[in-house]
Amino acid sequence: MVTSGWQIYNASPIFKAFTFYPAITLGGWLGGALQWHFAAMWLLVANFIVYVGMNVATGRLRERMFPLSIKSIIADGIAAVRGKLGHDDLTRYNAVQKFAYLAVTVDIVVIILSGLVVWKSVQFPLLRALMGGYDNARVVHFLGMSFLVAFFVVHVAMVALVPRSLVLMIKGR
């Protein structure tokens, strides 16, 4: 979705001085990019609904992500920056991980809602108004995507630093 979104963005950039190099975009042209984006959109939404639904239904969301406090986020954040954050039990999330995963979940909701406004602006006038109009919804969608890409890059970097976490992610335990 990201690379087709970049191709769509290039057709009408929000930030005029910034476009994406064509070699990293998908679709070849605006129409092709839109087809890829809309096809992948349904997969993202369906996957997200199942993910959130299963996490709520099984109690995993409450068990893994809470309790969470600003104090614990700051303490674990400082420990992470200093390289002193323990990784003894990879099945338990630290406060920074909890916050990041919750932030990504909220971000995906924002991406979906802003995407609806960009896709079907006339059908969602209240949502469009809440986002400050169509152009602002495009900016929100772009920033949401940027946050998600940044999360992905940091996530991959963290797996590189703690490689045994990859096995846990794949096995799910």
N, C-alpha and C. Protein backbone atom coordinates (compact mmCIF):
# COMPACT_ATOMS: atom_id res chain seq x y z
N MET A 1 0.81 -1.20 0.00
CA MET A 1 0.00 0.00 0.00
C MET A 1 0.86 1.26 0.00
N VAL A 2 1.94 1.20 0.71
CA VAL A 2 2.79 2.38 0.82
C VAL A 2 3.34 2.79 -0.54
N THR A 3 3.88 1.83 -1.28
CA THR A 3 4.51 2.20 -2.55
C THR A 3 3.50 2.62 -3.60
N SER A 4 2.30 2.03 -3.59
CA SER A 4 1.27 2.51 -4.51
C SER A 4 0.78 3.89 -4.06
N GLY A 5 0.73 4.09 -2.75
CA GLY A 5 0.37 5.41 -2.22
C GLY A 5 1.37 6.48 -2.63
N TRP A 6 2.64 6.11 -2.66
CA TRP A 6 3.66 7.07 -3.12
C TRP A 6 3.45 7.44 -4.58
N GLN A 7 3.07 6.46 -5.39
CA GLN A 7 2.79 6.75 -6.81
C GLN A 7 1.58 7.68 -6.93
N ILE A 8 0.56 7.43 -6.13
CA ILE A 8 -0.63 8.30 -6.13
C ILE A 8 -0.23 9.71 -5.68
N TYR A 9 0.56 9.77 -4.62
CA TYR A 9 1.03 11.05 -4.10
C TYR A 9 1.78 11.84 -5.17
N ASN A 10 2.64 11.16 -5.92
CA ASN A 10 3.43 11.84 -6.95
C ASN A 10 2.56 12.52 -8.01
N ALA A 11 1.36 11.98 -8.25
CA ALA A 11 0.47 12.58 -9.24
C ALA A 11 -0.03 13.95 -8.79
N SER A 12 -0.10 14.16 -7.48
CA SER A 12 -0.54 15.44 -6.94
C SER A 12 0.07 15.63 -5.56
N PRO A 13 1.35 15.99 -5.50
CA PRO A 13 2.04 16.07 -4.21
C PRO A 13 1.46 17.13 -3.28
N ILE A 14 1.38 16.76 -2.02
CA ILE A 14 0.92 17.69 -0.98
C ILE A 14 2.01 18.73 -0.72
N PHE A 15 3.22 18.24 -0.66
CA PHE A 15 4.39 19.09 -0.45
C PHE A 15 5.11 19.19 -1.79
N LYS A 16 4.96 20.28 -2.47
CA LYS A 16 5.40 20.44 -3.87
C LYS A 16 6.88 20.15 -4.10
N ALA A 17 7.71 20.40 -3.12
CA ALA A 17 9.15 20.20 -3.31
C ALA A 17 9.57 18.75 -3.07
N PHE A 18 8.62 17.88 -2.74
CA PHE A 18 8.96 16.51 -2.38
C PHE A 18 8.13 15.51 -3.16
N THR A 19 8.79 14.64 -3.90
CA THR A 19 8.14 13.51 -4.57
C THR A 19 8.99 12.27 -4.36
N PHE A 20 8.41 11.12 -4.62
CA PHE A 20 9.10 9.85 -4.44
C PHE A 20 9.73 9.40 -5.74
N TYR A 21 10.90 8.83 -5.65
CA TYR A 21 11.61 8.32 -6.81
C TYR A 21 10.76 7.22 -7.45
N PRO A 22 10.52 7.29 -8.76
CA PRO A 22 9.64 6.33 -9.42
C PRO A 22 10.01 4.86 -9.23
N ALA A 23 11.28 4.55 -9.04
CA ALA A 23 11.70 3.16 -8.88
C ALA A 23 11.17 2.52 -7.59
N ILE A 24 10.77 3.33 -6.60
CA ILE A 24 10.26 2.77 -5.34
C ILE A 24 8.74 2.87 -5.25
N THR A 25 8.09 3.22 -6.36
CA THR A 25 6.63 3.30 -6.35
C THR A 25 6.06 2.10 -7.09
N LEU A 26 4.76 1.85 -6.87
CA LEU A 26 4.09 0.71 -7.48
C LEU A 26 2.90 1.19 -8.30
N GLY A 27 2.72 0.62 -9.45
CA GLY A 27 1.56 0.94 -10.27
C GLY A 27 1.92 1.49 -11.62
N GLY A 28 3.08 2.12 -11.74
CA GLY A 28 3.54 2.63 -13.03
C GLY A 28 2.92 3.95 -13.45
N TRP A 29 1.69 4.15 -13.14
CA TRP A 29 0.99 5.39 -13.48
C TRP A 29 -0.14 5.55 -12.46
N LEU A 30 -0.83 6.66 -12.47
CA LEU A 30 -1.84 6.93 -11.44
C LEU A 30 -2.93 5.86 -11.41
N GLY A 31 -3.47 5.48 -12.56
CA GLY A 31 -4.54 4.48 -12.60
C GLY A 31 -4.10 3.13 -12.05
N GLY A 32 -2.90 2.71 -12.42
CA GLY A 32 -2.37 1.45 -11.90
C GLY A 32 -2.14 1.50 -10.41
N ALA A 33 -1.62 2.61 -9.94
CA ALA A 33 -1.37 2.77 -8.50
C ALA A 33 -2.68 2.75 -7.72
N LEU A 34 -3.69 3.41 -8.25
CA LEU A 34 -5.00 3.40 -7.59
C LEU A 34 -5.56 1.99 -7.49
N GLN A 35 -5.42 1.19 -8.54
CA GLN A 35 -5.91 -0.19 -8.51
C GLN A 35 -5.18 -1.02 -7.45
N TRP A 36 -3.86 -0.90 -7.40
CA TRP A 36 -3.09 -1.61 -6.38
C TRP A 36 -3.51 -1.15 -4.98
N HIS A 37 -3.65 0.15 -4.81
CA HIS A 37 -3.97 0.72 -3.51
C HIS A 37 -5.35 0.26 -3.03
N PHE A 38 -6.34 0.31 -3.90
CA PHE A 38 -7.69 -0.09 -3.52
C PHE A 38 -7.77 -1.59 -3.23
N ALA A 39 -7.04 -2.40 -3.99
CA ALA A 39 -7.02 -3.84 -3.74
C ALA A 39 -6.40 -4.15 -2.38
N ALA A 40 -5.28 -3.51 -2.09
CA ALA A 40 -4.60 -3.74 -0.82
C ALA A 40 -5.37 -3.14 0.35
N MET A 41 -6.13 -2.10 0.08
CA MET A 41 -6.91 -1.43 1.13
C MET A 41 -7.83 -2.43 1.82
N TRP A 42 -8.50 -3.26 1.06
CA TRP A 42 -9.45 -4.22 1.64
C TRP A 42 -8.71 -5.24 2.50
N LEU A 43 -7.52 -5.64 2.07
CA LEU A 43 -6.73 -6.58 2.87
C LEU A 43 -6.31 -5.95 4.20
N LEU A 44 -5.89 -4.68 4.15
CA LEU A 44 -5.50 -3.98 5.39
C LEU A 44 -6.68 -3.87 6.34
N VAL A 45 -7.81 -3.44 5.84
CA VAL A 45 -8.98 -3.25 6.70
C VAL A 45 -9.45 -4.58 7.29
N ALA A 46 -9.55 -5.61 6.46
CA ALA A 46 -9.99 -6.92 6.95
C ALA A 46 -9.01 -7.47 7.98
N ASN A 47 -7.72 -7.38 7.69
CA ASN A 47 -6.70 -7.86 8.62
C ASN A 47 -6.76 -7.09 9.93
N PHE A 48 -6.94 -5.79 9.84
CA PHE A 48 -6.99 -4.95 11.04
C PHE A 48 -8.21 -5.30 11.91
N ILE A 49 -9.36 -5.49 11.28
CA ILE A 49 -10.57 -5.85 12.03
C ILE A 49 -10.40 -7.18 12.73
N VAL A 50 -9.85 -8.16 12.02
CA VAL A 50 -9.61 -9.48 12.63
C VAL A 50 -8.60 -9.36 13.77
N TYR A 51 -7.51 -8.62 13.53
CA TYR A 51 -6.46 -8.45 14.56
C TYR A 51 -7.03 -7.82 15.83
N VAL A 52 -7.71 -6.71 15.68
CA VAL A 52 -8.25 -6.02 16.86
C VAL A 52 -9.34 -6.87 17.51
N GLY A 53 -10.21 -7.45 16.69
CA GLY A 53 -11.28 -8.29 17.23
C GLY A 53 -10.74 -9.46 18.04
N MET A 54 -9.75 -10.16 17.51
CA MET A 54 -9.16 -11.29 18.22
C MET A 54 -8.44 -10.85 19.49
N ASN A 55 -7.76 -9.72 19.43
CA ASN A 55 -7.05 -9.22 20.61
C ASN A 55 -8.01 -8.81 21.72
N VAL A 56 -9.14 -8.25 21.35
CA VAL A 56 -10.15 -7.88 22.34
C VAL A 56 -10.85 -9.13 22.87
N ALA A 57 -11.27 -10.01 21.95
CA ALA A 57 -12.02 -11.21 22.33
C ALA A 57 -11.23 -12.15 23.23
N THR A 58 -9.94 -12.28 22.98
CA THR A 58 -9.12 -13.20 23.78
C THR A 58 -8.57 -12.56 25.04
N GLY A 59 -8.73 -11.25 25.18
CA GLY A 59 -8.19 -10.55 26.33
C GLY A 59 -6.72 -10.20 26.19
N ARG A 60 -6.14 -10.53 25.04
CA ARG A 60 -4.72 -10.26 24.80
C ARG A 60 -4.41 -8.77 24.84
N LEU A 61 -5.31 -7.97 24.32
CA LEU A 61 -5.10 -6.51 24.32
C LEU A 61 -4.95 -6.01 25.75
N ARG A 62 -5.86 -6.38 26.62
CA ARG A 62 -5.81 -5.94 28.01
C ARG A 62 -4.60 -6.53 28.74
N GLU A 63 -4.33 -7.82 28.49
CA GLU A 63 -3.24 -8.52 29.17
C GLU A 63 -1.87 -8.01 28.77
N ARG A 64 -1.65 -7.79 27.47
CA ARG A 64 -0.33 -7.42 26.97
C ARG A 64 -0.05 -5.93 27.02
N MET A 65 -1.07 -5.10 26.84
CA MET A 65 -0.84 -3.67 26.67
C MET A 65 -1.10 -2.82 27.91
N PHE A 66 -1.67 -3.40 28.93
CA PHE A 66 -1.99 -2.64 30.13
C PHE A 66 -1.52 -3.40 31.35
N PRO A 67 -1.18 -2.72 32.44
CA PRO A 67 -1.24 -1.28 32.67
C PRO A 67 -0.10 -0.55 31.95
N LEU A 68 -0.33 0.70 31.72
CA LEU A 68 0.64 1.55 31.04
C LEU A 68 0.55 2.95 31.64
N SER A 69 1.70 3.51 31.99
CA SER A 69 1.72 4.86 32.56
C SER A 69 2.77 5.70 31.86
N ILE A 70 2.59 6.99 31.92
CA ILE A 70 3.57 7.91 31.32
C ILE A 70 4.92 7.73 32.00
N LYS A 71 4.89 7.55 33.32
CA LYS A 71 6.13 7.37 34.07
C LYS A 71 6.89 6.14 33.58
N SER A 72 6.19 5.03 33.34
CA SER A 72 6.86 3.81 32.88
C SER A 72 7.37 3.96 31.45
N ILE A 73 6.64 4.69 30.62
CA ILE A 73 7.08 4.94 29.24
C ILE A 73 8.39 5.74 29.25
N ILE A 74 8.43 6.77 30.07
CA ILE A 74 9.63 7.62 30.16
C ILE A 74 10.80 6.81 30.72
N ALA A 75 10.57 6.05 31.79
CA ALA A 75 11.65 5.26 32.41
C ALA A 75 12.21 4.23 31.43
N ASP A 76 11.31 3.49 30.75
CA ASP A 76 11.78 2.49 29.79
C ASP A 76 12.40 3.15 28.56
N GLY A 77 11.90 4.31 28.18
CA GLY A 77 12.49 5.04 27.05
C GLY A 77 13.91 5.47 27.34
N ILE A 78 14.14 5.98 28.53
CA ILE A 78 15.49 6.39 28.94
C ILE A 78 16.40 5.17 29.00
N ALA A 79 15.90 4.08 29.57
CA ALA A 79 16.70 2.85 29.64
C ALA A 79 17.04 2.33 28.24
N ALA A 80 16.10 2.43 27.32
CA ALA A 80 16.34 1.96 25.94
C ALA A 80 17.41 2.81 25.26
N VAL A 81 17.33 4.13 25.42
CA VAL A 81 18.32 5.02 24.81
C VAL A 81 19.71 4.76 25.39
N ARG A 82 19.77 4.44 26.65
CA ARG A 82 21.06 4.15 27.29
C ARG A 82 21.55 2.73 27.02
N GLY A 83 20.73 1.92 26.39
CA GLY A 83 21.10 0.53 26.12
C GLY A 83 21.00 -0.36 27.33
N LYS A 84 20.21 0.03 28.31
CA LYS A 84 20.09 -0.70 29.57
C LYS A 84 18.74 -1.39 29.73
N LEU A 85 17.95 -1.43 28.68
CA LEU A 85 16.63 -2.06 28.76
C LEU A 85 16.79 -3.56 28.66
N GLY A 86 16.28 -4.26 29.68
CA GLY A 86 16.43 -5.72 29.72
C GLY A 86 15.56 -6.42 28.69
N HIS A 87 16.07 -7.55 28.19
CA HIS A 87 15.33 -8.37 27.22
C HIS A 87 15.30 -9.82 27.69
N ASP A 88 15.19 -10.00 29.02
CA ASP A 88 15.21 -11.35 29.57
C ASP A 88 13.99 -12.15 29.15
N ASP A 89 12.81 -11.57 29.30
CA ASP A 89 11.56 -12.25 28.95
C ASP A 89 10.94 -11.54 27.75
N LEU A 90 11.16 -12.08 26.56
CA LEU A 90 10.66 -11.44 25.34
C LEU A 90 9.14 -11.57 25.18
N THR A 91 8.51 -12.38 26.02
CA THR A 91 7.05 -12.52 25.92
C THR A 91 6.33 -11.37 26.61
N ARG A 92 7.06 -10.57 27.37
CA ARG A 92 6.47 -9.42 28.07
C ARG A 92 6.95 -8.14 27.41
N TYR A 93 6.00 -7.28 27.06
CA TYR A 93 6.35 -6.00 26.43
C TYR A 93 6.77 -5.00 27.49
N ASN A 94 7.79 -4.20 27.17
CA ASN A 94 8.13 -3.09 28.06
C ASN A 94 7.17 -1.94 27.74
N ALA A 95 7.24 -0.89 28.52
CA ALA A 95 6.28 0.22 28.38
C ALA A 95 6.41 0.92 27.03
N VAL A 96 7.62 1.03 26.50
CA VAL A 96 7.81 1.68 25.20
C VAL A 96 7.16 0.83 24.10
N GLN A 97 7.32 -0.49 24.18
CA GLN A 97 6.69 -1.37 23.20
C GLN A 97 5.17 -1.26 23.29
N LYS A 98 4.64 -1.29 24.49
CA LYS A 98 3.19 -1.18 24.67
C LYS A 98 2.67 0.12 24.04
N PHE A 99 3.36 1.20 24.35
CA PHE A 99 2.95 2.49 23.81
C PHE A 99 3.04 2.51 22.28
N ALA A 100 4.13 1.97 21.75
CA ALA A 100 4.32 1.95 20.30
C ALA A 100 3.24 1.13 19.61
N TYR A 101 2.93 -0.05 20.14
CA TYR A 101 1.91 -0.90 19.51
C TYR A 101 0.52 -0.26 19.61
N LEU A 102 0.23 0.37 20.73
CA LEU A 102 -1.06 1.07 20.85
C LEU A 102 -1.10 2.26 19.90
N ALA A 103 0.02 2.98 19.78
CA ALA A 103 0.07 4.13 18.87
C ALA A 103 -0.12 3.69 17.42
N VAL A 104 0.47 2.57 17.04
CA VAL A 104 0.31 2.06 15.68
C VAL A 104 -1.14 1.64 15.44
N THR A 105 -1.76 1.05 16.43
CA THR A 105 -3.17 0.66 16.30
C THR A 105 -4.04 1.89 16.06
N VAL A 106 -3.83 2.93 16.85
CA VAL A 106 -4.57 4.18 16.65
C VAL A 106 -4.22 4.79 15.29
N ASP A 107 -2.96 4.74 14.92
CA ASP A 107 -2.52 5.27 13.63
C ASP A 107 -3.23 4.58 12.47
N ILE A 108 -3.37 3.27 12.55
CA ILE A 108 -4.05 2.55 11.47
C ILE A 108 -5.51 2.97 11.38
N VAL A 109 -6.15 3.21 12.52
CA VAL A 109 -7.53 3.72 12.50
C VAL A 109 -7.57 5.06 11.78
N VAL A 110 -6.63 5.94 12.11
CA VAL A 110 -6.55 7.26 11.47
C VAL A 110 -6.30 7.12 9.97
N ILE A 111 -5.41 6.21 9.59
CA ILE A 111 -5.13 5.98 8.17
C ILE A 111 -6.38 5.50 7.45
N ILE A 112 -7.10 4.57 8.05
CA ILE A 112 -8.32 4.05 7.42
C ILE A 112 -9.36 5.16 7.28
N LEU A 113 -9.58 5.91 8.34
CA LEU A 113 -10.59 6.98 8.29
C LEU A 113 -10.22 8.09 7.32
N SER A 114 -8.96 8.49 7.34
CA SER A 114 -8.53 9.53 6.40
C SER A 114 -8.55 8.99 4.97
N GLY A 115 -8.24 7.72 4.81
CA GLY A 115 -8.32 7.10 3.49
C GLY A 115 -9.73 7.08 2.95
N LEU A 116 -10.70 6.85 3.83
CA LEU A 116 -12.10 6.91 3.40
C LEU A 116 -12.46 8.30 2.91
N VAL A 117 -11.97 9.31 3.60
CA VAL A 117 -12.26 10.70 3.18
C VAL A 117 -11.62 10.99 1.83
N VAL A 118 -10.38 10.54 1.66
CA VAL A 118 -9.69 10.80 0.40
C VAL A 118 -10.35 10.01 -0.74
N TRP A 119 -10.78 8.80 -0.46
CA TRP A 119 -11.36 7.92 -1.48
C TRP A 119 -12.79 8.32 -1.84
N LYS A 120 -13.61 8.51 -0.82
CA LYS A 120 -15.04 8.80 -1.03
C LYS A 120 -15.45 10.03 -0.22
N SER A 121 -14.86 11.14 -0.55
CA SER A 121 -15.06 12.37 0.21
C SER A 121 -16.53 12.79 0.30
N VAL A 122 -17.25 12.66 -0.80
CA VAL A 122 -18.66 13.07 -0.82
C VAL A 122 -19.52 12.18 0.07
N GLN A 123 -19.18 10.90 0.17
CA GLN A 123 -19.97 9.97 0.97
C GLN A 123 -19.71 10.11 2.48
N PHE A 124 -18.66 10.77 2.86
CA PHE A 124 -18.31 10.91 4.27
C PHE A 124 -18.12 12.38 4.64
N PRO A 125 -19.17 13.20 4.51
CA PRO A 125 -18.99 14.64 4.75
C PRO A 125 -18.65 14.98 6.20
N LEU A 126 -19.21 14.26 7.16
CA LEU A 126 -18.92 14.54 8.57
C LEU A 126 -17.45 14.21 8.87
N LEU A 127 -17.01 13.07 8.40
CA LEU A 127 -15.62 12.68 8.59
C LEU A 127 -14.68 13.67 7.91
N ARG A 128 -15.05 14.11 6.71
CA ARG A 128 -14.25 15.11 5.98
C ARG A 128 -14.18 16.41 6.78
N ALA A 129 -15.31 16.82 7.34
CA ALA A 129 -15.34 18.05 8.14
C ALA A 129 -14.49 17.91 9.41
N LEU A 130 -14.56 16.74 10.05
CA LEU A 130 -13.77 16.52 11.26
C LEU A 130 -12.27 16.58 10.98
N MET A 131 -11.89 16.24 9.76
CA MET A 131 -10.47 16.28 9.39
C MET A 131 -10.07 17.63 8.81
N GLY A 132 -11.00 18.57 8.76
CA GLY A 132 -10.67 19.90 8.27
C GLY A 132 -10.72 20.03 6.77
N GLY A 133 -11.41 19.10 6.10
CA GLY A 133 -11.55 19.17 4.66
C GLY A 133 -10.72 18.11 3.95
N TYR A 134 -10.95 18.03 2.67
CA TYR A 134 -10.30 17.01 1.83
C TYR A 134 -8.78 17.15 1.84
N ASP A 135 -8.28 18.36 1.63
CA ASP A 135 -6.83 18.56 1.59
C ASP A 135 -6.16 18.20 2.90
N ASN A 136 -6.80 18.54 4.02
CA ASN A 136 -6.24 18.17 5.32
C ASN A 136 -6.28 16.67 5.53
N ALA A 137 -7.33 16.02 5.03
CA ALA A 137 -7.42 14.56 5.14
C ALA A 137 -6.26 13.91 4.38
N ARG A 138 -5.87 14.47 3.25
CA ARG A 138 -4.72 13.96 2.50
C ARG A 138 -3.44 14.10 3.34
N VAL A 139 -3.30 15.23 4.01
CA VAL A 139 -2.12 15.44 4.86
C VAL A 139 -2.13 14.45 6.02
N VAL A 140 -3.30 14.28 6.65
CA VAL A 140 -3.43 13.32 7.75
C VAL A 140 -3.07 11.91 7.26
N HIS A 141 -3.57 11.53 6.09
CA HIS A 141 -3.29 10.22 5.52
C HIS A 141 -1.78 10.06 5.27
N PHE A 142 -1.16 11.08 4.72
CA PHE A 142 0.28 11.05 4.44
C PHE A 142 1.09 10.95 5.74
N LEU A 143 0.74 11.74 6.74
CA LEU A 143 1.45 11.71 8.01
C LEU A 143 1.24 10.38 8.72
N GLY A 144 0.02 9.84 8.65
CA GLY A 144 -0.25 8.53 9.23
C GLY A 144 0.61 7.45 8.59
N MET A 145 0.71 7.49 7.26
CA MET A 145 1.56 6.54 6.53
C MET A 145 3.01 6.74 6.94
N SER A 146 3.45 7.96 7.08
CA SER A 146 4.84 8.24 7.46
C SER A 146 5.15 7.68 8.84
N PHE A 147 4.22 7.83 9.76
CA PHE A 147 4.39 7.28 11.10
C PHE A 147 4.50 5.75 11.04
N LEU A 148 3.65 5.13 10.24
CA LEU A 148 3.66 3.67 10.12
C LEU A 148 4.97 3.17 9.50
N VAL A 149 5.47 3.87 8.49
CA VAL A 149 6.74 3.49 7.88
C VAL A 149 7.88 3.67 8.89
N ALA A 150 7.85 4.76 9.65
CA ALA A 150 8.89 4.97 10.67
C ALA A 150 8.84 3.87 11.73
N PHE A 151 7.64 3.49 12.14
CA PHE A 151 7.48 2.39 13.10
C PHE A 151 8.09 1.11 12.53
N PHE A 152 7.81 0.83 11.27
CA PHE A 152 8.32 -0.37 10.62
C PHE A 152 9.85 -0.38 10.61
N VAL A 153 10.44 0.74 10.25
CA VAL A 153 11.91 0.84 10.19
C VAL A 153 12.51 0.63 11.59
N VAL A 154 11.95 1.27 12.60
CA VAL A 154 12.45 1.11 13.96
C VAL A 154 12.24 -0.33 14.43
N HIS A 155 11.09 -0.91 14.10
CA HIS A 155 10.79 -2.28 14.48
C HIS A 155 11.82 -3.25 13.90
N VAL A 156 12.15 -3.10 12.63
CA VAL A 156 13.15 -3.95 11.98
C VAL A 156 14.52 -3.72 12.63
N ALA A 157 14.84 -2.49 12.94
CA ALA A 157 16.11 -2.20 13.60
C ALA A 157 16.18 -2.87 14.98
N MET A 158 15.09 -2.84 15.71
CA MET A 158 15.06 -3.47 17.04
C MET A 158 15.20 -4.98 16.93
N VAL A 159 14.60 -5.57 15.91
CA VAL A 159 14.76 -7.02 15.70
C VAL A 159 16.22 -7.33 15.37
N ALA A 160 16.87 -6.46 14.62
CA ALA A 160 18.28 -6.66 14.31
C ALA A 160 19.13 -6.59 15.57
N LEU A 161 18.75 -5.75 16.52
CA LEU A 161 19.50 -5.63 17.77
C LEU A 161 19.24 -6.79 18.72
N VAL A 162 18.03 -7.36 18.65
CA VAL A 162 17.67 -8.49 19.51
C VAL A 162 17.13 -9.60 18.60
N PRO A 163 18.01 -10.30 17.89
CA PRO A 163 17.58 -11.24 16.86
C PRO A 163 16.70 -12.38 17.36
N ARG A 164 16.85 -12.80 18.63
CA ARG A 164 16.02 -13.90 19.11
C ARG A 164 14.55 -13.52 19.18
N SER A 165 14.24 -12.22 19.11
CA SER A 165 12.85 -11.79 19.10
C SER A 165 12.15 -12.16 17.79
N LEU A 166 12.91 -12.34 16.71
CA LEU A 166 12.33 -12.73 15.44
C LEU A 166 11.68 -14.10 15.51
N VAL A 167 12.36 -15.03 16.19
CA VAL A 167 11.80 -16.38 16.36
C VAL A 167 10.49 -16.30 17.14
N LEU A 168 10.46 -15.48 18.17
CA LEU A 168 9.25 -15.31 18.97
C LEU A 168 8.12 -14.73 18.13
N MET A 169 8.43 -13.76 17.27
CA MET A 169 7.40 -13.16 16.41
C MET A 169 6.83 -14.19 15.43
N ILE A 170 7.70 -15.01 14.88
CA ILE A 170 7.26 -16.00 13.89
C ILE A 170 6.44 -17.11 14.57
N LYS A 171 6.93 -17.61 15.70
CA LYS A 171 6.25 -18.70 16.40
C LYS A 171 5.02 -18.21 17.17
N GLY A 172 5.05 -16.95 17.59
CA GLY A 172 3.94 -16.41 18.35
C GLY A 172 3.96 -16.75 19.82
N ARG A 173 5.10 -17.19 20.33
CA ARG A 173 5.20 -17.49 21.76
C ARG A 173 6.53 -17.04 22.29
